[in-house]
C-alpha atoms as a PDB file:
ATOM      1  CA  MET A   1      -0.008   0.108   0.027  1.00  0.00           C
ATOM      2  CA  LEU A   2       1.161   3.443  -0.669  1.00  0.00           C
ATOM      3  CA  MET A   3       0.184   4.523   2.791  1.00  0.00           C
ATOM      4  CA  ASP A   4       2.486   1.880   4.352  1.00  0.00           C
ATOM      5  CA  GLU A   5       5.546   2.993   2.220  1.00  0.00           C
ATOM      6  CA  TYR A   6       4.751   6.686   2.938  1.00  0.00           C
ATOM      7  CA  GLU A   7       4.743   6.291   6.791  1.00  0.00           C
ATOM      8  CA  GLU A   8       7.897   4.162   6.591  1.00  0.00           C
ATOM      9  CA  ASN A   9       9.746   6.681   4.370  1.00  0.00           C
ATOM     10  CA  LYS A  10       8.256   9.711   5.578  1.00  0.00           C
ATOM     11  CA  ASP A  11      11.295  11.842   6.204  1.00  0.00           C
ATOM     12  CA  MET A  12      13.540  10.077   4.022  1.00  0.00           C
ATOM     13  CA  CYS A  13      14.151   9.361   0.215  1.00  0.00           C
ATOM     14  CA  PRO A  14      13.983   5.574  -0.217  1.00  0.00           C
ATOM     15  CA  ILE A  15      16.369   5.748  -3.093  1.00  0.00           C
ATOM     16  CA  CYS A  16      19.325   7.719  -1.884  1.00  0.00           C
ATOM     17  CA  LYS A  17      18.414   7.668   1.899  1.00  0.00           C
ATOM     18  CA  THR A  18      18.766  11.584   2.077  1.00  0.00           C
ATOM     19  CA  ASP A  19      17.004  12.626   5.363  1.00  0.00           C
ATOM     20  CA  ARG A  20      14.975  15.612   5.847  1.00  0.00           C
ATOM     21  CA  TYR A  21      16.559  15.833   9.436  1.00  0.00           C
ATOM     22  CA  LEU A  22      20.037  16.333   8.170  1.00  0.00           C
ATOM     23  CA  SER A  23      18.980  17.941   4.906  1.00  0.00           C
ATOM     24  CA  PRO A  24      16.079  20.309   5.635  1.00  0.00           C
ATOM     25  CA  ASP A  25      15.911  21.616   2.069  1.00  0.00           C
ATOM     26  CA  VAL A  26      15.291  18.285   0.576  1.00  0.00           C
ATOM     27  CA  LYS A  27      12.263  18.365  -1.725  1.00  0.00           C
ATOM     28  CA  PHE A  28      10.091  15.370  -2.439  1.00  0.00           C
ATOM     29  CA  LEU A  29       8.293  14.759  -5.715  1.00  0.00           C
ATOM     30  CA  VAL A  30       5.665  12.512  -6.943  1.00  0.00           C
ATOM     31  CA  ASN A  31       4.549  11.147 -10.467  1.00  0.00           C
ATOM     32  CA  PRO A  32       0.677  10.713 -10.909  1.00  0.00           C
ATOM     33  CA  GLU A  33       1.689   7.305 -12.552  1.00  0.00           C
ATOM     34  CA  CYS A  34       2.149   5.469  -9.312  1.00  0.00           C
ATOM     35  CA  TYR A  35       2.640   8.341  -6.654  1.00  0.00           C
ATOM     36  CA  HIS A  36       5.941   6.967  -5.132  1.00  0.00           C
ATOM     37  CA  ARG A  37       7.939   9.720  -3.353  1.00  0.00           C
ATOM     38  CA  ILE A  38      11.287  10.453  -4.631  1.00  0.00           C
ATOM     39  CA  CYS A  39      13.589  13.561  -3.960  1.00  0.00           C
ATOM     40  CA  GLU A  40      14.153  16.144  -6.486  1.00  0.00           C
ATOM     41  CA  SER A  41      18.103  15.087  -6.725  1.00  0.00           C
ATOM     42  CA  CYS A  42      17.077  11.383  -7.524  1.00  0.00           C
ATOM     43  CA  VAL A  43      14.546  12.536 -10.182  1.00  0.00           C
ATOM     44  CA  ASP A  44      17.189  14.652 -11.911  1.00  0.00           C
ATOM     45  CA  ARG A  45      19.667  11.814 -11.771  1.00  0.00           C
ATOM     46  CA  ILE A  46      17.343   8.872 -12.866  1.00  0.00           C
ATOM     47  CA  PHE A  47      15.058  10.571 -15.604  1.00  0.00           C
ATOM     48  CA  SER A  48      17.403  13.330 -17.009  1.00  0.00           C
ATOM     49  CA  LEU A  49      18.064  10.842 -20.085  1.00  0.00           C
ATOM     50  CA  GLY A  50      14.381  10.061 -20.920  1.00  0.00           C
ATOM     51  CA  PRO A  51      11.837   7.831 -19.555  1.00  0.00           C
ATOM     52  CA  ALA A  52      12.760   5.181 -16.986  1.00  0.00           C
ATOM     53  CA  GLN A  53      11.170   2.550 -14.658  1.00  0.00           C
ATOM     54  CA  CYS A  54      10.068   3.490 -11.175  1.00  0.00           C
ATOM     55  CA  PRO A  55      13.046   2.802  -8.837  1.00  0.00           C
ATOM     56  CA  TYR A  56      10.672   1.582  -6.251  1.00  0.00           C
ATOM     57  CA  LYS A  57      10.870  -2.408  -5.779  1.00  0.00           C
ATOM     58  CA  GLY A  58       7.961  -4.032  -7.393  1.00  0.00           C
ATOM     59  CA  CYS A  59       6.743  -1.045  -9.484  1.00  0.00           C
ATOM     60  CA  ASP A  60       6.897  -1.377 -13.128  1.00  0.00           C
ATOM     61  CA  LYS A  61       5.487   1.980 -14.187  1.00  0.00           C
ATOM     62  CA  ILE A  62       7.582   3.845 -16.834  1.00  0.00           C
ATOM     63  CA  LEU A  63       7.943   7.428 -15.715  1.00  0.00           C
ATOM     64  CA  ARG A  64       8.767  10.677 -17.363  1.00  0.00           C
ATOM     65  CA  LYS A  65      10.660  13.668 -15.754  1.00  0.00           C
ATOM     66  CA  ASN A  66       8.171  16.098 -16.927  1.00  0.00           C
ATOM     67  CA  LYS A  67       5.331  14.374 -15.276  1.00  0.00           C
ATOM     68  CA  PHE A  68       6.821  14.673 -11.524  1.00  0.00           C
ATOM     69  CA  LYS A  69       5.156  17.355  -9.306  1.00  0.00           C
ATOM     70  CA  THR A  70       5.609  18.880  -5.865  1.00  0.00           C
ATOM     71  CA  GLN A  71       3.654  16.825  -3.181  1.00  0.00           C
ATOM     72  CA  ILE A  72       1.009  19.155  -1.927  1.00  0.00           C
ATOM     73  CA  PHE A  73      -0.704  16.983   0.646  1.00  0.00           C
ATOM     74  CA  ASP A  74       1.043  15.065   3.302  1.00  0.00           C
ATOM     75  CA  ASP A  75      -0.895  12.091   2.616  1.00  0.00           C
ATOM     76  CA  VAL A  76      -0.164  10.674  -0.791  1.00  0.00           C
ATOM     77  CA  GLU A  77      -3.711   8.962  -0.835  1.00  0.00           C
ATOM     78  CA  VAL A  78      -5.140  12.186  -0.417  1.00  0.00           C
ATOM     79  CA  GLU A  79      -2.937  13.697  -3.221  1.00  0.00           C
ATOM     80  CA  LYS A  80      -3.989  10.924  -5.611  1.00  0.00           C
ATOM     81  CA  GLU A  81      -7.749  11.430  -5.051  1.00  0.00           C
ATOM     82  CA  VAL A  82      -7.141  15.141  -5.669  1.00  0.00           C
ATOM     83  CA  ASP A  83      -5.537  14.717  -8.739  1.00  0.00           C
ATOM     84  CA  ILE A  84      -8.029  12.251 -10.009  1.00  0.00           C
ATOM     85  CA  ARG A  85     -10.936  14.498  -9.046  1.00  0.00           C
ATOM     86  CA  LYS A  86      -9.342  17.432 -11.083  1.00  0.00           C
ATOM     87  CA  ARG A  87      -8.785  15.202 -14.167  1.00  0.00           C
ATOM     88  CA  VAL A  88     -12.402  13.949 -14.135  1.00  0.00           C
ATOM     89  CA  PHE A  89     -13.907  17.081 -13.248  1.00  0.00           C
ATOM     90  CA  ASN A  90     -12.183  18.697 -16.388  1.00  0.00           C
ATOM     91  CA  VAL A  91     -14.156  16.211 -18.397  1.00  0.00           C
ATOM     92  CA  PHE A  92     -17.400  15.712 -16.550  1.00  0.00           C
ATOM     93  CA  ASN A  93     -17.879  19.575 -16.034  1.00  0.00           C
ATOM     94  CA  LYS A  94     -21.490  20.060 -16.436  1.00  0.00           C
ATOM     95  CA  THR A  95     -23.423  22.287 -14.215  1.00  0.00           C
ATOM     96  CA  ILE A  96     -27.059  22.236 -13.194  1.00  0.00           C
ATOM     97  CA  ASP A  97     -27.848  24.801 -15.826  1.00  0.00           C
ATOM     98  CA  ASP A  98     -26.984  21.987 -18.476  1.00  0.00           C
ATOM     99  CA  PHE A  99     -29.728  20.002 -17.003  1.00  0.00           C
ATOM    100  CA  ASN A 100     -32.322  23.027 -17.215  1.00  0.00           C
ATOM    101  CA  GLY A 101     -32.533  23.186 -13.411  1.00  0.00           C
ATOM    102  CA  ASP A 102     -33.604  19.373 -13.120  1.00  0.00           C
ATOM    103  CA  LEU A 103     -32.125  18.698  -9.898  1.00  0.00           C
ATOM    104  CA  VAL A 104     -32.897  14.915  -9.944  1.00  0.00           C
ATOM    105  CA  GLU A 105     -31.095  14.395 -13.267  1.00  0.00           C
ATOM    106  CA  TYR A 106     -28.075  16.507 -12.232  1.00  0.00           C
ATOM    107  CA  ASN A 107     -27.911  14.485  -8.941  1.00  0.00           C
ATOM    108  CA  LYS A 108     -27.786  11.153 -11.021  1.00  0.00           C
ATOM    109  CA  TYR A 109     -24.904  12.841 -13.159  1.00  0.00           C
ATOM    110  CA  LEU A 110     -22.893  13.663 -10.034  1.00  0.00           C
ATOM    111  CA  GLU A 111     -23.555  10.188  -8.588  1.00  0.00           C
ATOM    112  CA  GLU A 112     -22.062   8.804 -12.066  1.00  0.00           C
ATOM    113  CA  VAL A 113     -19.158  11.129 -11.600  1.00  0.00           C
ATOM    114  CA  GLU A 114     -18.327  10.026  -8.022  1.00  0.00           C
ATOM    115  CA  ASP A 115     -18.517   6.310  -9.165  1.00  0.00           C
ATOM    116  CA  ILE A 116     -15.897   7.058 -11.811  1.00  0.00           C
ATOM    117  CA  ILE A 117     -13.605   8.665  -9.238  1.00  0.00           C
ATOM    118  CA  TYR A 118     -14.001   6.107  -6.807  1.00  0.00           C
ATOM    119  CA  LYS A 119     -13.122   3.296  -9.313  1.00  0.00           C
ATOM    120  CA  LEU A 120     -10.133   5.255 -10.481  1.00  0.00           C
ATOM    121  CA  ASP A 121      -8.692   5.991  -6.861  1.00  0.00           C
ATOM    122  CA  HIS A 122      -9.299   2.254  -5.771  1.00  0.00           C
ATOM    123  CA  GLY A 123      -8.280   0.581  -9.009  1.00  0.00           C
ATOM    124  CA  ILE A 124     -11.495  -1.165  -9.853  1.00  0.00           C
ATOM    125  CA  ASP A 125     -12.164  -1.706 -13.555  1.00  0.00           C
ATOM    126  CA  VAL A 126      -9.453   0.933 -14.291  1.00  0.00           C
ATOM    127  CA  ALA A 127      -9.235   0.172 -18.003  1.00  0.00           C
ATOM    128  CA  LYS A 128     -13.200   0.251 -18.642  1.00  0.00           C
ATOM    129  CA  THR A 129     -13.484   3.326 -16.576  1.00  0.00           C
ATOM    130  CA  GLU A 130     -10.542   5.154 -18.633  1.00  0.00           C
ATOM    131  CA  GLU A 131     -12.279   4.105 -21.625  1.00  0.00           C
ATOM    132  CA  LYS A 132     -15.654   5.514 -20.542  1.00  0.00           C
ATOM    133  CA  LEU A 133     -13.734   8.694 -19.529  1.00  0.00           C
ATOM    134  CA  ARG A 134     -12.308   9.193 -23.061  1.00  0.00           C
ATOM    135  CA  THR A 135     -15.494   8.104 -24.996  1.00  0.00           C
ATOM    136  CA  TYR A 136     -17.406  10.780 -22.955  1.00  0.00           C
ATOM    137  CA  GLU A 137     -14.701  13.424 -23.701  1.00  0.00           C
ATOM    138  CA  GLU A 138     -14.680  12.686 -27.400  1.00  0.00           C
ATOM    139  CA  LEU A 139     -18.546  12.719 -27.905  1.00  0.00           C
ATOM    140  CA  ASN A 140     -18.831  15.941 -25.722  1.00  0.00           C
ATOM    141  CA  LYS A 141     -15.765  17.782 -26.650  1.00  0.00           C
ATOM    142  CA  GLN A 142     -17.488  20.973 -27.561  1.00  0.00           C
ATOM    143  CA  LEU A 143     -19.565  21.218 -24.419  1.00  0.00           C
ATOM    144  CA  ILE A 144     -16.491  20.497 -22.310  1.00  0.00           C
ATOM    145  CA  MET A 145     -14.688  23.324 -23.997  1.00  0.00           C
ATOM    146  CA  ASN A 146     -17.644  25.674 -23.598  1.00  0.00           C
ATOM    147  CA  ASN A 147     -18.046  24.854 -19.838  1.00  0.00           C
ATOM    148  CA  LEU A 148     -14.164  25.160 -19.275  1.00  0.00           C
ATOM    149  CA  GLU A 149     -14.348  28.589 -20.871  1.00  0.00           C
ATOM    150  CA  ARG A 150     -17.390  29.523 -18.722  1.00  0.00           C
ATOM    151  CA  SER A 151     -15.671  28.464 -15.576  1.00  0.00           C
ATOM    152  CA  ARG A 152     -12.679  30.428 -16.472  1.00  0.00           C
ATOM    153  CA  THR A 153     -14.620  33.559 -17.013  1.00  0.00           C
ATOM    154  CA  GLU A 154     -16.508  33.114 -13.821  1.00  0.00           C
ATOM    155  CA  ILE A 155     -13.274  32.359 -11.819  1.00  0.00           C
ATOM    156  CA  GLU A 156     -11.705  35.588 -13.493  1.00  0.00           C
ATOM    157  CA  SER A 157     -14.744  37.644 -12.618  1.00  0.00           C
ATOM    158  CA  PHE A 158     -14.681  36.249  -8.944  1.00  0.00           C
ATOM    159  CA  GLU A 159     -11.063  37.164  -8.449  1.00  0.00           C
ATOM    160  CA  GLN A 160     -11.609  40.765  -9.914  1.00  0.00           C
ATOM    161  CA  ARG A 161     -14.263  41.014  -7.625  1.00  0.00           C
ATOM    162  CA  GLN A 162     -12.251  39.708  -4.692  1.00  0.00           C
ATOM    163  CA  LYS A 163      -9.387  42.273  -5.612  1.00  0.00           C
ATOM    164  CA  PHE A 164     -11.756  45.173  -5.962  1.00  0.00           C
ATOM    165  CA  GLU A 165     -13.470  44.449  -2.638  1.00  0.00           C
ATOM    166  CA  LYS A 166     -10.005  44.074  -0.941  1.00  0.00           C
ATOM    167  CA  GLU A 167      -8.663  47.290  -2.426  1.00  0.00           C
ATOM    168  CA  MET A 168     -11.807  49.355  -1.548  1.00  0.00           C
ATOM    169  CA  LYS A 169     -12.125  48.048   1.892  1.00  0.00           C
ATOM    170  CA  LEU A 170      -8.409  48.834   2.544  1.00  0.00           C
ATOM    171  CA  LYS A 171      -8.616  52.297   0.872  1.00  0.00           C
ATOM    172  CA  LYS A 172     -11.763  53.063   3.210  1.00  0.00           C
ATOM    173  CA  ARG A 173     -10.063  51.715   6.366  1.00  0.00           C
ATOM    174  CA  LEU A 174      -7.075  54.062   5.770  1.00  0.00           C
ATOM    175  CA  LEU A 175      -9.345  57.026   5.146  1.00  0.00           C
ATOM    176  CA  GLU A 176     -11.509  56.217   8.343  1.00  0.00           C
ATOM    177  CA  ARG A 177      -8.258  56.237  10.324  1.00  0.00           C
ATOM    178  CA  GLN A 178      -7.097  59.621   8.666  1.00  0.00           C
ATOM    179  CA  ILE A 179     -10.335  61.139   9.519  1.00  0.00           C
ATOM    180  CA  GLU A 180     -10.058  59.719  13.246  1.00  0.00           C
ATOM    181  CA  GLU A 181      -6.578  61.352  13.426  1.00  0.00           C
ATOM    182  CA  GLU A 182      -7.964  64.688  11.844  1.00  0.00           C
ATOM    183  CA  GLU A 183     -10.849  64.735  14.512  1.00  0.00           C
ATOM    184  CA  ARG A 184      -8.280  64.172  17.328  1.00  0.00           C
ATOM    185  CA  MET A 185      -6.219  67.001  16.025  1.00  0.00           C
ATOM    186  CA  ASN A 186      -9.191  69.360  15.746  1.00  0.00           C
ATOM    187  CA  LYS A 187     -10.225  68.575  19.053  1.00  0.00           C
ATOM    188  CA  GLU A 188      -6.615  69.654  20.245  1.00  0.00           C
ATOM    189  CA  TRP A 189      -6.850  72.744  18.059  1.00  0.00           C
ATOM    190  CA  THR A 190     -10.249  73.685  19.572  1.00  0.00           C
ATOM    191  CA  LYS A 191      -9.176  73.554  23.180  1.00  0.00           C
ATOM    192  CA  LYS A 192      -5.944  75.705  22.354  1.00  0.00           C
ATOM    193  CA  GLU A 193      -7.955  78.204  20.176  1.00  0.00           C
ATOM    194  CA  ILE A 194     -10.735  78.600  22.666  1.00  0.00           C
ATOM    195  CA  VAL A 195      -7.950  79.535  25.427  1.00  0.00           C
ATOM    196  CA  ASN A 196      -6.218  81.935  23.039  1.00  0.00           C
ATOM    197  CA  ARG A 197      -9.437  83.756  22.134  1.00  0.00           C
ATOM    198  CA  LEU A 198     -10.702  83.929  25.710  1.00  0.00           C
ATOM    199  CA  SER A 199      -7.176  85.531  26.617  1.00  0.00           C
ATOM    200  CA  THR A 200      -7.257  88.182  23.981  1.00  0.00           C
ATOM    201  CA  THR A 201     -10.912  89.091  23.722  1.00  0.00           C
ATOM    202  CA  THR A 202     -13.778  90.511  25.879  1.00  0.00           C
ATOM    203  CA  GLN A 203     -16.448  88.488  23.925  1.00  0.00           C
ATOM    204  CA  ASP A 204     -18.828  86.281  25.984  1.00  0.00           C
ATOM    205  CA  ILE A 205     -17.394  82.994  26.859  1.00  0.00           C
ATOM    206  CA  ASN A 206     -20.153  80.967  25.055  1.00  0.00           C
ATOM    207  CA  GLU A 207     -20.135  83.104  21.992  1.00  0.00           C
ATOM    208  CA  THR A 208     -16.258  82.580  21.947  1.00  0.00           C
ATOM    209  CA  ILE A 209     -16.666  78.816  22.330  1.00  0.00           C
ATOM    210  CA  GLU A 210     -19.543  78.698  19.721  1.00  0.00           C
ATOM    211  CA  GLY A 211     -17.569  80.518  17.303  1.00  0.00           C
ATOM    212  CA  VAL A 212     -14.531  78.206  17.520  1.00  0.00           C
ATOM    213  CA  LYS A 213     -16.678  75.190  17.081  1.00  0.00           C
ATOM    214  CA  ASN A 214     -18.483  76.717  13.920  1.00  0.00           C
ATOM    215  CA  THR A 215     -14.802  77.198  12.507  1.00  0.00           C
ATOM    216  CA  VAL A 216     -14.019  73.639  12.898  1.00  0.00           C
ATOM    217  CA  LYS A 217     -17.232  72.626  11.265  1.00  0.00           C
ATOM    218  CA  LEU A 218     -16.450  74.612   8.373  1.00  0.00           C
ATOM    219  CA  LYS A 219     -13.219  72.822   7.990  1.00  0.00           C
ATOM    220  CA  LYS A 220     -14.411  69.705   5.996  1.00  0.00           C
ATOM    221  CA  SER A 221     -11.270  67.524   5.590  1.00  0.00           C
ATOM    222  CA  SER A 222     -10.277  66.247   2.000  1.00  0.00           C
ATOM    223  CA  ALA A 223     -10.151  62.552   3.610  1.00  0.00           C
ATOM    224  CA  ARG A 224     -13.910  62.829   4.647  1.00  0.00           C
ATOM    225  CA  ARG A 225     -14.823  63.918   0.953  1.00  0.00           C
ATOM    226  CA  LYS A 226     -12.795  61.069  -0.505  1.00  0.00           C
ATOM    227  CA  LEU A 227     -14.702  58.726   2.013  1.00  0.00           C
ATOM    228  CA  GLU A 228     -17.964  60.064   0.925  1.00  0.00           C
ATOM    229  CA  GLU A 229     -17.106  59.669  -2.653  1.00  0.00           C
ATOM    230  CA  LEU A 230     -15.877  56.212  -2.061  1.00  0.00           C
ATOM    231  CA  ASN A 231     -19.194  55.196  -0.383  1.00  0.00           C
ATOM    232  CA  ARG A 232     -21.118  56.451  -3.377  1.00  0.00           C
ATOM    233  CA  VAL A 233     -18.725  54.343  -5.619  1.00  0.00           C
ATOM    234  CA  LEU A 234     -19.348  51.195  -3.515  1.00  0.00           C
ATOM    235  CA  LYS A 235     -23.059  51.859  -3.381  1.00  0.00           C
ATOM    236  CA  ASN A 236     -23.499  52.086  -7.093  1.00  0.00           C
ATOM    237  CA  ASN A 237     -20.860  49.413  -7.988  1.00  0.00           C
ATOM    238  CA  PRO A 238     -22.402  46.015  -9.279  1.00  0.00           C
ATOM    239  CA  TYR A 239     -20.053  44.013  -7.271  1.00  0.00           C
ATOM    240  CA  PHE A 240     -21.663  45.357  -4.067  1.00  0.00           C
ATOM    241  CA  ASN A 241     -25.141  45.041  -2.702  1.00  0.00           C
ATOM    242  CA  SER A 242     -26.337  48.611  -1.893  1.00  0.00           C
ATOM    243  CA  ASN A 243     -28.768  47.444   0.529  1.00  0.00           C
ATOM    244  CA  VAL A 244     -26.392  45.564   2.578  1.00  0.00           C
ATOM    245  CA  ASN A 245     -24.222  48.316   2.604  1.00  0.00           C
ATOM    246  CA  VAL A 246     -26.550  50.861   3.827  1.00  0.00           C
ATOM    247  CA  GLN A 247     -27.892  48.297   6.637  1.00  0.00           C
ATOM    248  CA  ASN A 248     -24.356  47.920   7.636  1.00  0.00           C
ATOM    249  CA  SER A 249     -23.692  51.430   7.969  1.00  0.00           C
ATOM    250  CA  ARG A 250     -26.749  51.909  10.126  1.00  0.00           C
ATOM    251  CA  LEU A 251     -25.929  49.103  12.477  1.00  0.00           C
ATOM    252  CA  LYS A 252     -22.136  49.728  12.821  1.00  0.00           C
ATOM    253  CA  ASP A 253     -22.358  51.985  15.824  1.00  0.00           C
ATOM    254  CA  ALA A 254     -25.010  49.791  17.487  1.00  0.00           C
ATOM    255  CA  VAL A 255     -22.822  46.977  17.546  1.00  0.00           C
ATOM    256  CA  PRO A 256     -20.038  47.134  20.065  1.00  0.00           C
ATOM    257  CA  PHE A 257     -16.497  46.987  18.670  1.00  0.00           C
ATOM    258  CA  THR A 258     -14.458  43.876  18.470  1.00  0.00           C
ATOM    259  CA  PRO A 259     -10.961  43.430  17.042  1.00  0.00           C
ATOM    260  CA  PHE A 260     -10.605  41.479  13.903  1.00  0.00           C
ATOM    261  CA  ASN A 261     -14.030  41.774  12.011  1.00  0.00           C
ATOM    262  CA  GLY A 262     -16.131  38.646  12.463  1.00  0.00           C
ATOM    263  CA  ASP A 263     -18.496  38.397  15.267  1.00  0.00           C
ATOM    264  CA  ARG A 264     -19.923  41.906  14.464  1.00  0.00           C
ATOM    265  CA  GLU A 265     -20.862  41.127  10.900  1.00  0.00           C
ATOM    266  CA  ALA A 266     -24.447  42.110  10.539  1.00  0.00           C
ATOM    267  CA  HIS A 267     -25.082  39.471   7.618  1.00  0.00           C
ATOM    268  CA  PRO A 268     -23.706  35.979   8.298  1.00  0.00           C
ATOM    269  CA  ARG A 269     -21.742  34.293   5.560  1.00  0.00           C
ATOM    270  CA  PHE A 270     -23.886  31.154   5.998  1.00  0.00           C
ATOM    271  CA  THR A 271     -27.615  30.020   5.741  1.00  0.00           C
ATOM    272  CA  LEU A 272     -28.872  28.100   8.650  1.00  0.00           C
ATOM    273  CA  LYS A 273     -30.914  24.838   7.590  1.00  0.00           C
ATOM    274  CA  GLY A 274     -31.767  23.085  10.837  1.00  0.00           C
ATOM    275  CA  SER A 275     -33.556  20.327   9.243  1.00  0.00           C
ATOM    276  CA  VAL A 276     -30.415  19.376   6.960  1.00  0.00           C
ATOM    277  CA  TYR A 277     -28.180  18.557   9.816  1.00  0.00           C
ATOM    278  CA  ASN A 278     -27.908  15.165  11.510  1.00  0.00           C
ATOM    279  CA  ASP A 279     -26.048  15.084  14.851  1.00  0.00           C
ATOM    280  CA  PRO A 280     -27.030  12.022  16.870  1.00  0.00           C
ATOM    281  CA  PHE A 281     -25.913  13.578  20.126  1.00  0.00           C
ATOM    282  CA  ILE A 282     -27.680  16.918  19.630  1.00  0.00           C
ATOM    283  CA  LYS A 283     -30.838  15.125  18.241  1.00  0.00           C
ATOM    284  CA  ASP A 284     -30.820  13.210  21.607  1.00  0.00           C
ATOM    285  CA  LEU A 285     -30.649  16.317  23.663  1.00  0.00           C
ATOM    286  CA  GLU A 286     -33.513  17.739  21.716  1.00  0.00           C
ATOM    287  CA  HIS A 287     -35.832  15.127  23.459  1.00  0.00           C
ATOM    288  CA  ARG A 288     -34.543  15.308  26.868  1.00  0.00           C
ATOM    289  CA  LYS A 289     -36.718  17.072  29.600  1.00  0.00           C
ATOM    290  CA  GLU A 290     -33.971  18.871  31.332  1.00  0.00           C
ATOM    291  CA  PHE A 291     -32.923  20.527  28.069  1.00  0.00           C
ATOM    292  CA  ILE A 292     -36.179  21.437  26.924  1.00  0.00           C
ATOM    293  CA  ALA A 293     -37.120  23.097  30.108  1.00  0.00           C
ATOM    294  CA  SER A 294     -34.070  25.446  29.893  1.00  0.00           C
ATOM    295  CA  GLY A 295     -35.122  26.520  26.476  1.00  0.00           C
ATOM    296  CA  PHE A 296     -32.716  24.452  24.631  1.00  0.00           C
ATOM    297  CA  ASN A 297     -32.940  24.585  20.831  1.00  0.00           C
ATOM    298  CA  THR A 298     -30.960  22.499  18.203  1.00  0.00           C
ATOM    299  CA  ASN A 299     -30.472  25.346  15.762  1.00  0.00           C
ATOM    300  CA  TYR A 300     -28.520  27.330  18.655  1.00  0.00           C
ATOM    301  CA  ALA A 301     -25.892  24.606  18.694  1.00  0.00           C
ATOM    302  CA  TYR A 302     -25.671  24.508  14.884  1.00  0.00           C
ATOM    303  CA  GLU A 303     -25.632  28.275  14.534  1.00  0.00           C
ATOM    304  CA  ARG A 304     -22.737  28.331  16.959  1.00  0.00           C
ATOM    305  CA  VAL A 305     -20.728  25.797  15.170  1.00  0.00           C
ATOM    306  CA  LEU A 306     -21.226  27.551  11.817  1.00  0.00           C
ATOM    307  CA  THR A 307     -20.471  31.053  13.305  1.00  0.00           C
ATOM    308  CA  GLU A 308     -17.229  29.818  14.607  1.00  0.00           C
ATOM    309  CA  ALA A 309     -16.362  28.006  11.224  1.00  0.00           C
ATOM    310  CA  PHE A 310     -17.046  31.242   9.101  1.00  0.00           C
ATOM    311  CA  MET A 311     -15.772  33.774  11.476  1.00  0.00           C
ATOM    312  CA  GLY A 312     -12.665  35.565  10.501  1.00  0.00           C
ATOM    313  CA  LEU A 313     -13.030  34.598   6.678  1.00  0.00           C
ATOM    314  CA  GLY A 314     -11.866  37.460   4.662  1.00  0.00           C
ATOM    315  CA  CYS A 315      -9.965  39.171   7.627  1.00  0.00           C
ATOM    316  CA  VAL A 316      -6.233  39.817   6.981  1.00  0.00           C
ATOM    317  CA  ILE A 317      -4.766  40.306  10.563  1.00  0.00           C
ATOM    318  CA  SER A 318      -1.704  42.274   9.348  1.00  0.00           C
ATOM    319  CA  GLU A 319      -3.999  44.899   7.544  1.00  0.00           C
ATOM    320  CA  GLU A 320      -6.393  45.199  10.632  1.00  0.00           C
ATOM    321  CA  LEU A 321      -3.492  45.944  12.888  1.00  0.00           C
END
């Protein structure tokens, strides 16, 4: 089994016996043909002149140097499954829109895809399954290309939206900090100006104070103007939901401050569907009198777990500091 070999040679190249402890920079590579781990030096030495047999004892796979890749997952079994999924999903890439919204047919399609992945991953009818994969690819080449192009477009759009949101949030945060600093300086200036005017004028104290405050009000900072313009851009931008922004601005002062946005988000990043979850332990509590009497609700438990899972997504601590 790959797992046994992996555990045995976890930190050592089985070919040259290079140890990660003595050589911390050693880099292990795997080839999708057999997923046997070999250090980069051995790959260069064995496969530089062309295809060669895998150096592992009992493995008769012919490997090529350009097929080797850096191992991403610590478990090679997971690495293998992920690679198989990528390859299969590049061919079986239909979405529910291709089934005109028919969820039953779409679920049947997904089951078929999972069946193919399972067989390839566990070595069941591999030749027959590979033939099925090739046949489907040949018969649906145009549809596959269209879906790949659509997927690329959606990914690019999503990345652009993420980048835009990040830039706007950072810009807004910097402007807010600048405004806070200007307000602090204005308060200091107000105190000093009131003292100076009172020491050089016979005007009524209240009138003097009011005059200084009016002067401060007329000094509208450039940062505040930029922030107002930025808020207008965000409100009218298709990447943002204007209603959400308006509600967030209204609720901002009503919610206590917490560092690193997460538990003060007005709109959770998940949708709670209590009837979908099935936790035997929590289900048991739902029918026990002592919990019912205290007002226990299973949705509270599920909501807390989901909140903890999603809290902090999109938060970059280095930018929050």
